[in-house]
């Protein structure tokens, strides 16, 4: 003879005779309709192991993602294609382009550097106004100190194997 009630919820200590079995689809629809439902109604029939294996919140995320993707797919495709065409027209009309020698093109494309507009001798980072030699004396000293410090730190890291 078995003791009644036969089951007890490990979380809320609720006792019951018959377990409620729900399919994964039912649980997802409950959770999809009400995000708090998993924590309120469904505790008594979802074990932690099951909850971790099925991770309903990520399933909900993927459902929403697919829904948004399917709903807006055509609009997104049209916008992307129009942006592509605009960029292609700009490229083919040589808008926002420069003509550069191999050396300048290499420095610009791969190193993000361009010729200094002041001295036209040294290269500078694209984000800076001038090269280091063209900077005022006080700023030049600060920049050279920070570069030296960075080199020292790199050397220390190399020696430590970091």
C-alpha atoms as a PDB file:
ATOM      1  CA  UNK A   1       0.000   0.000   0.000  1.00  0.00           C
ATOM      2  CA  UNK A   2       1.364   3.375  -1.040  1.00  0.00           C
ATOM      3  CA  UNK A   3       1.323   6.541   0.921  1.00  0.00           C
ATOM      4  CA  UNK A   4      -0.981   9.275  -0.395  1.00  0.00           C
ATOM      5  CA  UNK A   5      -0.363  11.754  -1.932  1.00  0.00           C
ATOM      6  CA  UNK A   6       2.161  10.003  -4.091  1.00  0.00           C
ATOM      7  CA  UNK A   7       4.043  13.036  -5.465  1.00  0.00           C
ATOM      8  CA  UNK A   8       5.537  16.181  -3.960  1.00  0.00           C
ATOM      9  CA  UNK A   9       6.930  19.191  -5.754  1.00  0.00           C
ATOM     10  CA  UNK A  10      10.587  19.696  -4.846  1.00  0.00           C
ATOM     11  CA  UNK A  11      10.281  23.471  -5.205  1.00  0.00           C
ATOM     12  CA  UNK A  12       7.008  24.493  -3.519  1.00  0.00           C
ATOM     13  CA  UNK A  13       6.354  21.274  -1.512  1.00  0.00           C
ATOM     14  CA  UNK A  14       2.879  20.948  -3.076  1.00  0.00           C
ATOM     15  CA  UNK A  15       1.563  17.374  -2.755  1.00  0.00           C
ATOM     16  CA  UNK A  16      -0.530  15.726  -5.462  1.00  0.00           C
ATOM     17  CA  UNK A  17      -1.758  12.271  -6.495  1.00  0.00           C
ATOM     18  CA  UNK A  18      -1.524  12.427 -10.260  1.00  0.00           C
ATOM     19  CA  UNK A  19       1.330  14.057 -12.139  1.00  0.00           C
ATOM     20  CA  UNK A  20       0.443  16.304 -15.038  1.00  0.00           C
ATOM     21  CA  UNK A  21       2.225  15.353 -18.215  1.00  0.00           C
ATOM     22  CA  UNK A  22       2.567  17.977 -20.900  1.00  0.00           C
ATOM     23  CA  UNK A  23       4.300  17.745 -24.228  1.00  0.00           C
ATOM     24  CA  UNK A  24       7.153  20.015 -25.192  1.00  0.00           C
ATOM     25  CA  UNK A  25       4.859  21.883 -27.607  1.00  0.00           C
ATOM     26  CA  UNK A  26       2.338  22.583 -24.824  1.00  0.00           C
ATOM     27  CA  UNK A  27       5.063  23.873 -22.522  1.00  0.00           C
ATOM     28  CA  UNK A  28       6.467  26.098 -25.238  1.00  0.00           C
ATOM     29  CA  UNK A  29       3.031  27.584 -25.991  1.00  0.00           C
ATOM     30  CA  UNK A  30       2.434  28.229 -22.279  1.00  0.00           C
ATOM     31  CA  UNK A  31       5.826  29.885 -21.973  1.00  0.00           C
ATOM     32  CA  UNK A  32       5.465  31.699 -25.287  1.00  0.00           C
ATOM     33  CA  UNK A  33       2.120  33.213 -24.257  1.00  0.00           C
ATOM     34  CA  UNK A  34       3.187  34.134 -20.732  1.00  0.00           C
ATOM     35  CA  UNK A  35       6.867  34.442 -19.873  1.00  0.00           C
ATOM     36  CA  UNK A  36       6.160  34.109 -16.127  1.00  0.00           C
ATOM     37  CA  UNK A  37       4.133  30.908 -16.604  1.00  0.00           C
ATOM     38  CA  UNK A  38       7.186  28.688 -16.287  1.00  0.00           C
ATOM     39  CA  UNK A  39       7.955  30.067 -12.851  1.00  0.00           C
ATOM     40  CA  UNK A  40       4.366  30.134 -11.573  1.00  0.00           C
ATOM     41  CA  UNK A  41       2.209  27.296 -12.933  1.00  0.00           C
ATOM     42  CA  UNK A  42       4.620  24.746 -14.286  1.00  0.00           C
ATOM     43  CA  UNK A  43       7.017  24.167 -11.401  1.00  0.00           C
ATOM     44  CA  UNK A  44       5.303  21.004 -10.243  1.00  0.00           C
ATOM     45  CA  UNK A  45       5.880  19.067 -13.426  1.00  0.00           C
ATOM     46  CA  UNK A  46       9.174  20.420 -14.730  1.00  0.00           C
ATOM     47  CA  UNK A  47      12.326  18.999 -13.218  1.00  0.00           C
ATOM     48  CA  UNK A  48      15.509  21.053 -13.190  1.00  0.00           C
ATOM     49  CA  UNK A  49      17.166  18.473 -15.421  1.00  0.00           C
ATOM     50  CA  UNK A  50      14.347  18.705 -17.978  1.00  0.00           C
ATOM     51  CA  UNK A  51      14.327  22.503 -17.735  1.00  0.00           C
ATOM     52  CA  UNK A  52      18.094  22.653 -18.373  1.00  0.00           C
ATOM     53  CA  UNK A  53      17.903  20.212 -21.278  1.00  0.00           C
ATOM     54  CA  UNK A  54      15.076  22.018 -23.057  1.00  0.00           C
ATOM     55  CA  UNK A  55      15.849  25.618 -22.011  1.00  0.00           C
ATOM     56  CA  UNK A  56      12.473  27.107 -22.891  1.00  0.00           C
ATOM     57  CA  UNK A  57      13.690  30.693 -22.896  1.00  0.00           C
ATOM     58  CA  UNK A  58      16.136  29.981 -25.720  1.00  0.00           C
ATOM     59  CA  UNK A  59      13.438  28.066 -27.602  1.00  0.00           C
ATOM     60  CA  UNK A  60      11.187  31.119 -27.256  1.00  0.00           C
ATOM     61  CA  UNK A  61      13.996  33.314 -28.545  1.00  0.00           C
ATOM     62  CA  UNK A  62      14.437  31.128 -31.640  1.00  0.00           C
ATOM     63  CA  UNK A  63      10.677  31.074 -32.268  1.00  0.00           C
ATOM     64  CA  UNK A  64      10.556  34.879 -32.088  1.00  0.00           C
ATOM     65  CA  UNK A  65      13.634  35.146 -34.283  1.00  0.00           C
ATOM     66  CA  UNK A  66      12.133  32.880 -36.935  1.00  0.00           C
ATOM     67  CA  UNK A  67       8.816  34.735 -36.760  1.00  0.00           C
ATOM     68  CA  UNK A  68      10.520  38.114 -37.221  1.00  0.00           C
ATOM     69  CA  UNK A  69      12.781  36.728 -39.921  1.00  0.00           C
ATOM     70  CA  UNK A  70       9.907  35.244 -41.906  1.00  0.00           C
ATOM     71  CA  UNK A  71       7.687  38.292 -41.417  1.00  0.00           C
ATOM     72  CA  UNK A  72      10.268  40.873 -42.469  1.00  0.00           C
ATOM     73  CA  UNK A  73      12.376  38.781 -44.825  1.00  0.00           C
ATOM     74  CA  UNK A  74      11.083  40.369 -48.027  1.00  0.00           C
ATOM     75  CA  UNK A  75      11.417  43.923 -46.706  1.00  0.00           C
ATOM     76  CA  UNK A  76      14.942  43.253 -45.429  1.00  0.00           C
ATOM     77  CA  UNK A  77      15.955  41.698 -48.761  1.00  0.00           C
ATOM     78  CA  UNK A  78      14.671  44.726 -50.703  1.00  0.00           C
ATOM     79  CA  UNK A  79      16.430  47.207 -48.401  1.00  0.00           C
ATOM     80  CA  UNK A  80      19.686  45.242 -48.539  1.00  0.00           C
ATOM     81  CA  UNK A  81      19.524  45.051 -52.324  1.00  0.00           C
ATOM     82  CA  UNK A  82      18.861  48.806 -52.600  1.00  0.00           C
ATOM     83  CA  UNK A  83      21.816  49.539 -50.303  1.00  0.00           C
ATOM     84  CA  UNK A  84      23.977  47.228 -52.408  1.00  0.00           C
ATOM     85  CA  UNK A  85      22.923  49.011 -55.606  1.00  0.00           C
ATOM     86  CA  UNK A  86      23.610  52.429 -54.073  1.00  0.00           C
ATOM     87  CA  UNK A  87      27.101  51.356 -53.007  1.00  0.00           C
ATOM     88  CA  UNK A  88      27.779  49.778 -56.391  1.00  0.00           C
ATOM     89  CA  UNK A  89      26.720  52.963 -58.223  1.00  0.00           C
ATOM     90  CA  UNK A  90      28.967  55.046 -55.937  1.00  0.00           C
ATOM     91  CA  UNK A  91      31.859  52.662 -56.588  1.00  0.00           C
ATOM     92  CA  UNK A  92      31.421  52.605 -60.356  1.00  0.00           C
ATOM     93  CA  UNK A  93      31.068  56.403 -60.565  1.00  0.00           C
ATOM     94  CA  UNK A  94      34.346  56.809 -58.603  1.00  0.00           C
ATOM     95  CA  UNK A  95      32.556  58.840 -55.944  1.00  0.00           C
ATOM     96  CA  UNK A  96      34.538  59.016 -52.666  1.00  0.00           C
ATOM     97  CA  UNK A  97      37.574  57.404 -54.317  1.00  0.00           C
ATOM     98  CA  UNK A  98      41.202  58.424 -54.498  1.00  0.00           C
ATOM     99  CA  UNK A  99      43.976  57.592 -56.919  1.00  0.00           C
ATOM    100  CA  UNK A 100      47.097  56.518 -55.080  1.00  0.00           C
ATOM    101  CA  UNK A 101      50.453  54.913 -55.836  1.00  0.00           C
ATOM    102  CA  UNK A 102      51.112  51.366 -54.617  1.00  0.00           C
ATOM    103  CA  UNK A 103      52.906  52.570 -51.492  1.00  0.00           C
ATOM    104  CA  UNK A 104      50.159  54.997 -50.438  1.00  0.00           C
ATOM    105  CA  UNK A 105      47.409  52.502 -51.322  1.00  0.00           C
ATOM    106  CA  UNK A 106      49.155  49.797 -49.245  1.00  0.00           C
ATOM    107  CA  UNK A 107      49.528  52.118 -46.243  1.00  0.00           C
ATOM    108  CA  UNK A 108      45.946  53.345 -46.523  1.00  0.00           C
ATOM    109  CA  UNK A 109      44.264  49.973 -47.078  1.00  0.00           C
ATOM    110  CA  UNK A 110      46.310  47.685 -44.850  1.00  0.00           C
ATOM    111  CA  UNK A 111      47.843  49.937 -42.210  1.00  0.00           C
ATOM    112  CA  UNK A 112      45.119  52.628 -42.021  1.00  0.00           C
ATOM    113  CA  UNK A 113      47.732  55.321 -42.572  1.00  0.00           C
ATOM    114  CA  UNK A 114      47.936  58.236 -44.984  1.00  0.00           C
ATOM    115  CA  UNK A 115      50.505  60.846 -45.933  1.00  0.00           C
ATOM    116  CA  UNK A 116      50.721  63.749 -43.488  1.00  0.00           C
ATOM    117  CA  UNK A 117      49.069  66.843 -45.029  1.00  0.00           C
ATOM    118  CA  UNK A 118      51.595  69.179 -43.315  1.00  0.00           C
ATOM    119  CA  UNK A 119      54.989  67.729 -44.216  1.00  0.00           C
ATOM    120  CA  UNK A 120      53.983  65.303 -47.012  1.00  0.00           C
ATOM    121  CA  UNK A 121      56.888  63.058 -45.944  1.00  0.00           C
ATOM    122  CA  UNK A 122      55.750  60.925 -43.008  1.00  0.00           C
ATOM    123  CA  UNK A 123      52.679  58.725 -42.721  1.00  0.00           C
ATOM    124  CA  UNK A 124      50.100  59.209 -39.972  1.00  0.00           C
ATOM    125  CA  UNK A 125      47.133  57.221 -38.722  1.00  0.00           C
ATOM    126  CA  UNK A 126      43.899  58.089 -40.528  1.00  0.00           C
ATOM    127  CA  UNK A 127      42.299  59.162 -37.247  1.00  0.00           C
ATOM    128  CA  UNK A 128      45.026  61.765 -36.472  1.00  0.00           C
ATOM    129  CA  UNK A 129      45.442  65.294 -37.853  1.00  0.00           C
ATOM    130  CA  UNK A 130      49.229  65.165 -38.377  1.00  0.00           C
ATOM    131  CA  UNK A 131      52.206  62.843 -38.075  1.00  0.00           C
ATOM    132  CA  UNK A 132      54.286  62.766 -34.860  1.00  0.00           C
ATOM    133  CA  UNK A 133      57.139  65.020 -36.118  1.00  0.00           C
ATOM    134  CA  UNK A 134      54.597  67.704 -37.109  1.00  0.00           C
ATOM    135  CA  UNK A 135      53.021  67.822 -33.639  1.00  0.00           C
ATOM    136  CA  UNK A 136      53.809  70.706 -31.261  1.00  0.00           C
ATOM    137  CA  UNK A 137      56.784  69.979 -28.956  1.00  0.00           C
ATOM    138  CA  UNK A 138      54.802  69.253 -25.758  1.00  0.00           C
ATOM    139  CA  UNK A 139      52.326  66.912 -27.498  1.00  0.00           C
ATOM    140  CA  UNK A 140      55.144  65.187 -29.392  1.00  0.00           C
ATOM    141  CA  UNK A 141      56.936  64.374 -26.096  1.00  0.00           C
ATOM    142  CA  UNK A 142      53.748  62.897 -24.618  1.00  0.00           C
ATOM    143  CA  UNK A 143      53.130  60.761 -27.697  1.00  0.00           C
ATOM    144  CA  UNK A 144      56.734  59.521 -27.835  1.00  0.00           C
ATOM    145  CA  UNK A 145      56.601  58.653 -24.112  1.00  0.00           C
ATOM    146  CA  UNK A 146      53.387  56.677 -24.557  1.00  0.00           C
ATOM    147  CA  UNK A 147      54.875  54.841 -27.561  1.00  0.00           C
ATOM    148  CA  UNK A 148      58.007  54.025 -25.560  1.00  0.00           C
ATOM    149  CA  UNK A 149      55.883  52.798 -22.649  1.00  0.00           C
ATOM    150  CA  UNK A 150      53.843  50.590 -24.995  1.00  0.00           C
ATOM    151  CA  UNK A 151      57.058  49.093 -26.418  1.00  0.00           C
ATOM    152  CA  UNK A 152      58.361  48.379 -22.896  1.00  0.00           C
ATOM    153  CA  UNK A 153      55.086  46.706 -21.913  1.00  0.00           C
ATOM    154  CA  UNK A 154      55.155  44.635 -25.100  1.00  0.00           C
ATOM    155  CA  UNK A 155      58.720  43.533 -24.277  1.00  0.00           C
ATOM    156  CA  UNK A 156      57.716  42.573 -20.719  1.00  0.00           C
ATOM    157  CA  UNK A 157      54.733  40.600 -22.018  1.00  0.00           C
ATOM    158  CA  UNK A 158      56.930  38.857 -24.583  1.00  0.00           C
ATOM    159  CA  UNK A 159      59.441  37.857 -21.886  1.00  0.00           C
ATOM    160  CA  UNK A 160      56.655  36.553 -19.633  1.00  0.00           C
ATOM    161  CA  UNK A 161      55.102  34.653 -22.519  1.00  0.00           C
ATOM    162  CA  UNK A 162      51.782  36.478 -22.358  1.00  0.00           C
END
